PDB file of N, CA and C in Angstrom:
ATOM      1  N   MET A   1      42.119 -51.942 -39.269  1.00  0.00           N
ATOM      2  CA  MET A   1      42.165 -52.100 -37.879  1.00  0.00           C
ATOM      3  C   MET A   1      42.611 -53.734 -37.196  1.00  0.00           C
ATOM      4  N   ARG A   2      43.982 -53.610 -37.069  1.00  0.00           N
ATOM      5  CA  ARG A   2      44.603 -55.187 -36.864  1.00  0.00           C
ATOM      6  C   ARG A   2      43.613 -56.183 -35.211  1.00  0.00           C
ATOM      7  N   LYS A   3      43.155 -57.351 -35.518  1.00  0.00           N
ATOM      8  CA  LYS A   3      42.972 -57.892 -34.052  1.00  0.00           C
ATOM      9  C   LYS A   3      43.002 -57.714 -32.404  1.00  0.00           C
ATOM     10  N   ILE A   4      44.507 -57.545 -32.848  1.00  0.00           N
ATOM     11  CA  ILE A   4      45.169 -56.380 -30.896  1.00  0.00           C
ATOM     12  C   ILE A   4      44.156 -55.048 -31.369  1.00  0.00           C
ATOM     13  N   THR A   5      44.311 -54.700 -32.037  1.00  0.00           N
ATOM     14  CA  THR A   5      43.880 -53.111 -31.876  1.00  0.00           C
ATOM     15  C   THR A   5      42.586 -53.184 -31.903  1.00  0.00           C
ATOM     16  N   LEU A   6      41.522 -54.314 -32.135  1.00  0.00           N
ATOM     17  CA  LEU A   6      40.139 -53.761 -32.661  1.00  0.00           C
ATOM     18  C   LEU A   6      39.262 -54.478 -30.665  1.00  0.00           C
ATOM     19  N   GLU A   7      40.329 -56.098 -30.257  1.00  0.00           N
ATOM     20  CA  GLU A   7      40.430 -56.384 -28.986  1.00  0.00           C
ATOM     21  C   GLU A   7      40.787 -55.011 -27.573  1.00  0.00           C
ATOM     22  N   ILE A   8      41.805 -54.717 -28.192  1.00  0.00           N
ATOM     23  CA  ILE A   8      42.008 -53.677 -27.149  1.00  0.00           C
ATOM     24  C   ILE A   8      41.147 -52.738 -26.608  1.00  0.00           C
ATOM     25  N   LYS A   9      40.867 -51.633 -27.989  1.00  0.00           N
ATOM     26  CA  LYS A   9      39.604 -51.010 -28.529  1.00  0.00           C
ATOM     27  C   LYS A   9      38.149 -50.967 -27.228  1.00  0.00           C
ATOM     28  N   LYS A  10      37.443 -52.397 -27.952  1.00  0.00           N
ATOM     29  CA  LYS A  10      36.616 -52.494 -27.359  1.00  0.00           C
ATOM     30  C   LYS A  10      37.055 -52.680 -25.823  1.00  0.00           C
ATOM     31  N   ALA A  11      37.756 -53.497 -25.501  1.00  0.00           N
ATOM     32  CA  ALA A  11      37.940 -53.577 -23.798  1.00  0.00           C
ATOM     33  C   ALA A  11      38.312 -51.824 -22.961  1.00  0.00           C
ATOM     34  N   PHE A  12      39.173 -51.248 -23.960  1.00  0.00           N
ATOM     35  CA  PHE A  12      39.191 -50.232 -23.165  1.00  0.00           C
ATOM     36  C   PHE A  12      38.140 -49.148 -23.595  1.00  0.00           C
ATOM     37  N   GLU A  13      36.958 -48.896 -24.042  1.00  0.00           N
ATOM     38  CA  GLU A  13      35.621 -48.421 -24.120  1.00  0.00           C
ATOM     39  C   GLU A  13      34.276 -48.797 -23.100  1.00  0.00           C
ATOM     40  N   ALA A  14      34.914 -50.410 -22.591  1.00  0.00           N
ATOM     41  CA  ALA A  14      34.334 -50.836 -22.269  1.00  0.00           C
ATOM     42  C   ALA A  14      35.274 -50.742 -20.834  1.00  0.00           C
ATOM     43  N   GLY A  15      36.103 -49.552 -20.370  1.00  0.00           N
ATOM     44  CA  GLY A  15      36.736 -49.792 -18.905  1.00  0.00           C
ATOM     45  C   GLY A  15      36.816 -51.277 -18.337  1.00  0.00           C
ATOM     46  N   THR A  16      37.334 -52.367 -18.902  1.00  0.00           N
ATOM     47  CA  THR A  16      37.669 -53.239 -19.004  1.00  0.00           C
ATOM     48  C   THR A  16      39.478 -53.965 -18.927  1.00  0.00           C
ATOM     49  N   SER A  17      40.272 -54.559 -18.483  1.00  0.00           N
ATOM     50  CA  SER A  17      40.496 -54.951 -18.374  1.00  0.00           C
ATOM     51  C   SER A  17      40.954 -56.247 -19.715  1.00  0.00           C
ATOM     52  N   LYS A  18      42.490 -55.755 -20.476  1.00  0.00           N
ATOM     53  CA  LYS A  18      42.501 -57.121 -21.518  1.00  0.00           C
ATOM     54  C   LYS A  18      43.972 -56.750 -21.790  1.00  0.00           C
ATOM     55  N   THR A  19      44.485 -57.959 -22.453  1.00  0.00           N
ATOM     56  CA  THR A  19      45.648 -58.096 -22.535  1.00  0.00           C
ATOM     57  C   THR A  19      45.761 -59.001 -23.758  1.00  0.00           C
ATOM     58  N   VAL A  20      46.698 -58.440 -25.022  1.00  0.00           N
ATOM     59  CA  VAL A  20      46.083 -59.274 -26.496  1.00  0.00           C
ATOM     60  C   VAL A  20      48.283 -58.827 -26.387  1.00  0.00           C
ATOM     61  N   GLY A  21      49.066 -59.969 -27.113  1.00  0.00           N
ATOM     62  CA  GLY A  21      50.893 -59.378 -27.645  1.00  0.00           C
ATOM     63  C   GLY A  21      51.144 -58.697 -26.573  1.00  0.00           C
ATOM     64  N   ASN A  22      51.490 -57.964 -27.200  1.00  0.00           N
ATOM     65  CA  ASN A  22      52.569 -56.046 -26.400  1.00  0.00           C
ATOM     66  C   ASN A  22      51.390 -55.183 -26.084  1.00  0.00           C
ATOM     67  N   THR A  23      49.794 -55.476 -26.401  1.00  0.00           N
ATOM     68  CA  THR A  23      48.805 -55.083 -25.492  1.00  0.00           C
ATOM     69  C   THR A  23      48.443 -54.385 -24.611  1.00  0.00           C
ATOM     70  N   SER A  24      47.821 -53.579 -24.128  1.00  0.00           N
ATOM     71  CA  SER A  24      47.125 -54.221 -22.196  1.00  0.00           C
ATOM     72  C   SER A  24      46.541 -52.804 -22.587  1.00  0.00           C
ATOM     73  N   THR A  25      45.112 -52.815 -21.656  1.00  0.00           N
ATOM     74  CA  THR A  25      44.681 -52.391 -21.547  1.00  0.00           C
ATOM     75  C   THR A  25      44.325 -52.302 -19.048  1.00  0.00           C
ATOM     76  N   ASP A  26      43.982 -50.846 -19.202  1.00  0.00           N
ATOM     77  CA  ASP A  26      43.219 -52.016 -17.470  1.00  0.00           C
ATOM     78  C   ASP A  26      41.922 -51.158 -17.628  1.00  0.00           C
ATOM     79  N   GLY A  27      41.825 -50.646 -19.000  1.00  0.00           N
ATOM     80  CA  GLY A  27      40.123 -49.457 -18.733  1.00  0.00           C
ATOM     81  C   GLY A  27      40.355 -48.270 -18.755  1.00  0.00           C
ATOM     82  N   THR A  28      41.141 -47.975 -18.002  1.00  0.00           N
ATOM     83  CA  THR A  28      41.514 -46.691 -18.393  1.00  0.00           C
ATOM     84  C   THR A  28      43.307 -46.359 -18.923  1.00  0.00           C
ATOM     85  N   ILE A  29      43.867 -46.798 -18.712  1.00  0.00           N
ATOM     86  CA  ILE A  29      45.656 -46.946 -19.579  1.00  0.00           C
ATOM     87  C   ILE A  29      45.564 -47.474 -20.928  1.00  0.00           C
ATOM     88  N   VAL A  30      45.870 -48.249 -21.567  1.00  0.00           N
ATOM     89  CA  VAL A  30      46.693 -48.711 -23.072  1.00  0.00           C
ATOM     90  C   VAL A  30      47.875 -48.339 -22.725  1.00  0.00           C
ATOM     91  N   TRP A  31      48.882 -50.041 -22.831  1.00  0.00           N
ATOM     92  CA  TRP A  31      50.548 -49.556 -22.630  1.00  0.00           C
ATOM     93  C   TRP A  31      50.649 -50.514 -24.260  1.00  0.00           C
ATOM     94  N   LEU A  32      51.468 -50.551 -25.150  1.00  0.00           N
ATOM     95  CA  LEU A  32      52.721 -50.875 -25.822  1.00  0.00           C
ATOM     96  C   LEU A  32      54.353 -51.042 -25.476  1.00  0.00           C
ATOM     97  N   HIS A  33      54.120 -52.760 -25.210  1.00  0.00           N
ATOM     98  CA  HIS A  33      55.167 -53.269 -24.999  1.00  0.00           C
ATOM     99  C   HIS A  33      55.889 -51.756 -22.767  1.00  0.00           C
ATOM    100  N   ASP A  34      54.720 -51.839 -22.296  1.00  0.00           N
ATOM    101  CA  ASP A  34      54.898 -51.649 -21.012  1.00  0.00           C
ATOM    102  C   ASP A  34      55.017 -49.165 -20.994  1.00  0.00           C
ATOM    103  N   ASN A  35      55.233 -48.720 -22.032  1.00  0.00           N
ATOM    104  CA  ASN A  35      54.255 -47.647 -23.023  1.00  0.00           C
ATOM    105  C   ASN A  35      53.013 -47.210 -22.336  1.00  0.00           C
ATOM    106  N   ALA A  36      52.815 -46.627 -21.639  1.00  0.00           N
ATOM    107  CA  ALA A  36      51.955 -46.245 -21.876  1.00  0.00           C
ATOM    108  C   ALA A  36      51.367 -44.399 -23.356  1.00  0.00           C
ATOM    109  N   ILE A  37      50.294 -44.978 -23.579  1.00  0.00           N
ATOM    110  CA  ILE A  37      50.354 -44.796 -25.291  1.00  0.00           C
ATOM    111  C   ILE A  37      48.764 -43.504 -25.768  1.00  0.00           C
ATOM    112  N   ILE A  38      47.560 -44.550 -24.762  1.00  0.00           N
ATOM    113  CA  ILE A  38      46.356 -43.532 -24.099  1.00  0.00           C
ATOM    114  C   ILE A  38      45.727 -43.561 -23.142  1.00  0.00           C
ATOM    115  N   LYS A  39      45.446 -42.712 -22.081  1.00  0.00           N
ATOM    116  CA  LYS A  39      44.660 -42.062 -21.438  1.00  0.00           C
ATOM    117  C   LYS A  39      43.814 -41.878 -21.614  1.00  0.00           C
ATOM    118  N   LYS A  40      42.030 -42.113 -20.586  1.00  0.00           N
ATOM    119  CA  LYS A  40      41.452 -41.303 -19.882  1.00  0.00           C
ATOM    120  C   LYS A  40      41.758 -41.241 -19.140  1.00  0.00           C
ATOM    121  N   GLU A  41      41.636 -39.658 -18.502  1.00  0.00           N
ATOM    122  CA  GLU A  41      41.769 -38.408 -16.982  1.00  0.00           C
ATOM    123  C   GLU A  41      41.106 -37.644 -17.173  1.00  0.00           C
ATOM    124  N   ASN A  42      39.857 -37.306 -16.041  1.00  0.00           N
ATOM    125  CA  ASN A  42      38.638 -36.308 -16.270  1.00  0.00           C
ATOM    126  C   ASN A  42      38.302 -36.304 -17.409  1.00  0.00           C
ATOM    127  N   GLY A  43      37.771 -36.957 -17.538  1.00  0.00           N
ATOM    128  CA  GLY A  43      36.129 -37.677 -18.519  1.00  0.00           C
ATOM    129  C   GLY A  43      37.369 -36.884 -20.247  1.00  0.00           C
ATOM    130  N   ASN A  44      38.569 -36.677 -20.091  1.00  0.00           N
ATOM    131  CA  ASN A  44      39.570 -36.295 -21.630  1.00  0.00           C
ATOM    132  C   ASN A  44      40.185 -37.120 -21.912  1.00  0.00           C
ATOM    133  N   ILE A  45      39.716 -38.225 -23.660  1.00  0.00           N
ATOM    134  CA  ILE A  45      40.896 -38.941 -23.829  1.00  0.00           C
ATOM    135  C   ILE A  45      42.356 -38.105 -24.635  1.00  0.00           C
ATOM    136  N   TYR A  46      43.532 -38.665 -24.160  1.00  0.00           N
ATOM    137  CA  TYR A  46      44.511 -38.431 -24.049  1.00  0.00           C
ATOM    138  C   TYR A  46      45.559 -39.815 -25.139  1.00  0.00           C
ATOM    139  N   ALA A  47      46.153 -39.194 -26.210  1.00  0.00           N
ATOM    140  CA  ALA A  47      47.398 -39.982 -26.572  1.00  0.00           C
ATOM    141  C   ALA A  47      48.794 -39.534 -27.162  1.00  0.00           C
ATOM    142  N   THR A  48      49.420 -40.787 -27.308  1.00  0.00           N
ATOM    143  CA  THR A  48      51.039 -40.326 -27.573  1.00  0.00           C
ATOM    144  C   THR A  48      52.018 -41.094 -28.149  1.00  0.00           C
ATOM    145  N   LEU A  49      52.758 -40.612 -28.746  1.00  0.00           N
ATOM    146  CA  LEU A  49      53.187 -42.165 -29.495  1.00  0.00           C
ATOM    147  C   LEU A  49      54.898 -42.538 -28.452  1.00  0.00           C
ATOM    148  N   ALA A  50      54.437 -41.392 -26.849  1.00  0.00           N
ATOM    149  CA  ALA A  50      55.313 -42.139 -26.038  1.00  0.00           C
ATOM    150  C   ALA A  50      57.189 -42.569 -26.529  1.00  0.00           C
ATOM    151  N   GLY A  51      57.086 -41.379 -27.915  1.00  0.00           N
ATOM    152  CA  GLY A  51      58.994 -41.459 -28.104  1.00  0.00           C
ATOM    153  C   GLY A  51      58.497 -42.806 -29.521  1.00  0.00           C
ATOM    154  N   TRP A  52      57.746 -43.095 -29.721  1.00  0.00           N
ATOM    155  CA  TRP A  52      58.067 -44.038 -30.734  1.00  0.00           C
ATOM    156  C   TRP A  52      56.825 -44.053 -31.795  1.00  0.00           C
ATOM    157  N   ASN A  53      57.943 -43.338 -32.745  1.00  0.00           N
ATOM    158  CA  ASN A  53      56.677 -42.786 -33.562  1.00  0.00           C
ATOM    159  C   ASN A  53      57.016 -43.621 -34.870  1.00  0.00           C
ATOM    160  N   THR A  54      56.382 -45.312 -34.576  1.00  0.00           N
ATOM    161  CA  THR A  54      56.390 -46.729 -35.696  1.00  0.00           C
ATOM    162  C   THR A  54      54.478 -46.441 -35.726  1.00  0.00           C
ATOM    163  N   PRO A  55      55.222 -47.741 -37.072  1.00  0.00           N
ATOM    164  CA  PRO A  55      54.424 -48.115 -38.142  1.00  0.00           C
ATOM    165  C   PRO A  55      52.520 -49.062 -36.202  1.00  0.00           C
ATOM    166  N   THR A  56      53.288 -49.351 -35.678  1.00  0.00           N
ATOM    167  CA  THR A  56      52.554 -50.438 -34.240  1.00  0.00           C
ATOM    168  C   THR A  56      52.316 -49.281 -33.342  1.00  0.00           C
ATOM    169  N   THR A  57      52.589 -48.489 -33.728  1.00  0.00           N
ATOM    170  CA  THR A  57      52.517 -47.277 -32.144  1.00  0.00           C
ATOM    171  C   THR A  57      51.338 -46.333 -33.188  1.00  0.00           C
ATOM    172  N   LYS A  58      51.579 -45.322 -34.111  1.00  0.00           N
ATOM    173  CA  LYS A  58      51.125 -45.340 -35.085  1.00  0.00           C
ATOM    174  C   LYS A  58      49.705 -46.450 -34.720  1.00  0.00           C
ATOM    175  N   GLU A  59      49.350 -47.314 -35.703  1.00  0.00           N
ATOM    176  CA  GLU A  59      48.126 -47.597 -35.840  1.00  0.00           C
ATOM    177  C   GLU A  59      47.471 -47.801 -34.972  1.00  0.00           C
ATOM    178  N   ARG A  60      48.436 -48.255 -33.104  1.00  0.00           N
ATOM    179  CA  ARG A  60      47.565 -48.345 -31.723  1.00  0.00           C
ATOM    180  C   ARG A  60      46.558 -47.033 -31.085  1.00  0.00           C
ATOM    181  N   THR A  61      47.481 -45.755 -32.025  1.00  0.00           N
ATOM    182  CA  THR A  61      46.694 -45.066 -31.202  1.00  0.00           C
ATOM    183  C   THR A  61      44.701 -44.321 -31.978  1.00  0.00           C
ATOM    184  N   ASN A  62      45.404 -45.006 -33.827  1.00  0.00           N
ATOM    185  CA  ASN A  62      44.283 -44.353 -34.631  1.00  0.00           C
ATOM    186  C   ASN A  62      43.734 -45.410 -34.867  1.00  0.00           C
ATOM    187  N   GLY A  63      44.079 -46.790 -34.267  1.00  0.00           N
ATOM    188  CA  GLY A  63      42.622 -47.416 -34.602  1.00  0.00           C
ATOM    189  C   GLY A  63      42.157 -47.823 -32.985  1.00  0.00           C
ATOM    190  N   ILE A  64      42.146 -47.304 -32.039  1.00  0.00           N
ATOM    191  CA  ILE A  64      41.817 -47.336 -30.811  1.00  0.00           C
ATOM    192  C   ILE A  64      40.684 -46.123 -30.553  1.00  0.00           C
ATOM    193  N   VAL A  65      41.459 -44.184 -30.825  1.00  0.00           N
ATOM    194  CA  VAL A  65      40.861 -43.260 -30.111  1.00  0.00           C
ATOM    195  C   VAL A  65      40.334 -42.230 -31.488  1.00  0.00           C
ATOM    196  N   ASN A  66      41.428 -42.852 -32.974  1.00  0.00           N
ATOM    197  CA  ASN A  66      41.085 -41.710 -33.750  1.00  0.00           C
ATOM    198  C   ASN A  66      42.113 -41.070 -33.464  1.00  0.00           C
ATOM    199  N   ALA A  67      43.646 -40.830 -33.002  1.00  0.00           N
ATOM    200  CA  ALA A  67      44.362 -39.938 -33.393  1.00  0.00           C
ATOM    201  C   ALA A  67      44.797 -39.150 -34.363  1.00  0.00           C
ATOM    202  N   GLY A  68      44.842 -39.423 -35.283  1.00  0.00           N
ATOM    203  CA  GLY A  68      44.722 -39.336 -36.718  1.00  0.00           C
ATOM    204  C   GLY A  68      47.011 -38.970 -36.743  1.00  0.00           C
ATOM    205  N   PHE A  69      47.951 -39.837 -35.941  1.00  0.00           N
ATOM    206  CA  PHE A  69      48.746 -39.382 -35.818  1.00  0.00           C
ATOM    207  C   PHE A  69      49.460 -40.082 -37.036  1.00  0.00           C
ATOM    208  N   HIS A  70      50.963 -39.809 -37.807  1.00  0.00           N
ATOM    209  CA  HIS A  70      51.183 -39.815 -39.214  1.00  0.00           C
ATOM    210  C   HIS A  70      52.532 -39.346 -39.037  1.00  0.00           C
ATOM    211  N   THR A  71      53.538 -40.033 -39.903  1.00  0.00           N
ATOM    212  CA  THR A  71      54.193 -39.988 -40.807  1.00  0.00           C
ATOM    213  C   THR A  71      54.680 -38.542 -41.599  1.00  0.00           C
ATOM    214  N   VAL A  72      55.447 -37.745 -42.309  1.00  0.00           N
ATOM    215  CA  VAL A  72      55.880 -37.082 -43.022  1.00  0.00           C
ATOM    216  C   VAL A  72      57.570 -36.736 -42.720  1.00  0.00           C
ATOM    217  N   LYS A  73      58.691 -37.575 -43.495  1.00  0.00           N
ATOM    218  CA  LYS A  73      59.421 -37.362 -43.901  1.00  0.00           C
ATOM    219  C   LYS A  73      60.474 -37.280 -41.870  1.00  0.00           C
ATOM    220  N   GLY A  74      59.917 -38.721 -41.343  1.00  0.00           N
ATOM    221  CA  GLY A  74      60.455 -38.669 -40.450  1.00  0.00           C
ATOM    222  C   GLY A  74      59.295 -38.205 -39.534  1.00  0.00           C
ATOM    223  N   GLN A  75      59.317 -37.051 -39.473  1.00  0.00           N
ATOM    224  CA  GLN A  75      58.047 -36.610 -38.413  1.00  0.00           C
ATOM    225  C   GLN A  75      56.668 -36.203 -38.644  1.00  0.00           C
ATOM    226  N   ALA A  76      56.404 -36.572 -37.612  1.00  0.00           N
ATOM    227  CA  ALA A  76      55.303 -37.367 -36.949  1.00  0.00           C
ATOM    228  C   ALA A  76      54.094 -36.230 -36.094  1.00  0.00           C
ATOM    229  N   MET A  77      52.990 -36.840 -36.647  1.00  0.00           N
ATOM    230  CA  MET A  77      51.731 -35.540 -37.860  1.00  0.00           C
ATOM    231  C   MET A  77      51.077 -35.382 -37.186  1.00  0.00           C
ATOM    232  N   ARG A  78      50.523 -34.790 -36.611  1.00  0.00           N
ATOM    233  CA  ARG A  78      49.096 -34.840 -36.637  1.00  0.00           C
ATOM    234  C   ARG A  78      48.166 -33.427 -36.840  1.00  0.00           C
ATOM    235  N   ASN A  79      46.728 -34.108 -37.400  1.00  0.00           N
ATOM    236  CA  ASN A  79      46.062 -33.206 -38.083  1.00  0.00           C
ATOM    237  C   ASN A  79      46.704 -31.858 -39.246  1.00  0.00           C
ATOM    238  N   ASN A  80      48.200 -32.473 -40.004  1.00  0.00           N
ATOM    239  CA  ASN A  80      49.645 -32.277 -40.210  1.00  0.00           C
ATOM    240  C   ASN A  80      49.718 -30.958 -40.182  1.00  0.00           C
ATOM    241  N   GLU A  81      50.123 -30.984 -38.233  1.00  0.00           N
ATOM    242  CA  GLU A  81      50.786 -30.788 -37.680  1.00  0.00           C
ATOM    243  C   GLU A  81      51.807 -31.242 -37.032  1.00  0.00           C
ATOM    244  N   PRO A  82      53.336 -30.578 -37.059  1.00  0.00           N
ATOM    245  CA  PRO A  82      54.343 -31.312 -35.852  1.00  0.00           C
ATOM    246  C   PRO A  82      53.825 -31.613 -34.491  1.00  0.00           C
ATOM    247  N   VAL A  83      54.039 -32.519 -34.277  1.00  0.00           N
ATOM    248  CA  VAL A  83      53.487 -32.836 -32.603  1.00  0.00           C
ATOM    249  C   VAL A  83      55.286 -33.335 -32.352  1.00  0.00           C
ATOM    250  N   ASN A  84      55.122 -33.257 -30.949  1.00  0.00           N
ATOM    251  CA  ASN A  84      56.887 -33.911 -30.506  1.00  0.00           C
ATOM    252  C   ASN A  84      56.243 -35.308 -30.316  1.00  0.00           C
ATOM    253  N   ASP A  85      57.127 -36.704 -30.070  1.00  0.00           N
ATOM    254  CA  ASP A  85      55.950 -37.613 -30.148  1.00  0.00           C
ATOM    255  C   ASP A  85      56.525 -37.987 -28.692  1.00  0.00           C
ATOM    256  N   ASN A  86      57.147 -37.449 -27.922  1.00  0.00           N
ATOM    257  CA  ASN A  86      56.757 -38.147 -26.519  1.00  0.00           C
ATOM    258  C   ASN A  86      55.605 -36.624 -25.594  1.00  0.00           C
ATOM    259  N   SER A  87      54.650 -36.451 -26.856  1.00  0.00           N
ATOM    260  CA  SER A  87      54.154 -35.048 -25.993  1.00  0.00           C
ATOM    261  C   SER A  87      52.727 -36.449 -26.002  1.00  0.00           C
ATOM    262  N   TRP A  88      51.574 -35.614 -24.367  1.00  0.00           N
ATOM    263  CA  TRP A  88      50.301 -36.334 -24.481  1.00  0.00           C
ATOM    264  C   TRP A  88      49.541 -35.252 -25.459  1.00  0.00           C
ATOM    265  N   ILE A  89      48.257 -35.530 -26.430  1.00  0.00           N
ATOM    266  CA  ILE A  89      47.822 -35.113 -26.906  1.00  0.00           C
ATOM    267  C   ILE A  89      46.711 -35.343 -26.681  1.00  0.00           C
ATOM    268  N   LYS A  90      45.765 -34.314 -26.511  1.00  0.00           N
ATOM    269  CA  LYS A  90      44.101 -34.900 -26.747  1.00  0.00           C
ATOM    270  C   LYS A  90      42.812 -34.710 -27.408  1.00  0.00           C
ATOM    271  N   ILE A  91      42.770 -35.727 -27.097  1.00  0.00           N
ATOM    272  CA  ILE A  91      42.095 -36.449 -28.891  1.00  0.00           C
ATOM    273  C   ILE A  91      40.870 -35.695 -28.665  1.00  0.00           C
ATOM    274  N   SER A  92      40.064 -36.166 -27.794  1.00  0.00           N
ATOM    275  CA  SER A  92      38.659 -35.835 -27.109  1.00  0.00           C
ATOM    276  C   SER A  92      38.721 -35.079 -25.085  1.00  0.00           C
TER     277      SER A  92
END
């Protein structure tokens, strides 16, 4: 896990604000390059690739909330099922 991801993960889990490089959180939402990629809502956690099926977006979502995103032949996947890389997926 990258240092940026670890620091943002700690802040997100604690519900505090933090910005490290291109990633930030207010404790409820995590943004990567100003795109919301993780959010807490009504006691649930959701993640999205925000239309950016990139190694960095997958590393952040997988590292912070264990989203399980990966790519097969250019298709965004989660738990070996295709996903829309713009959709919010309930993680927990």
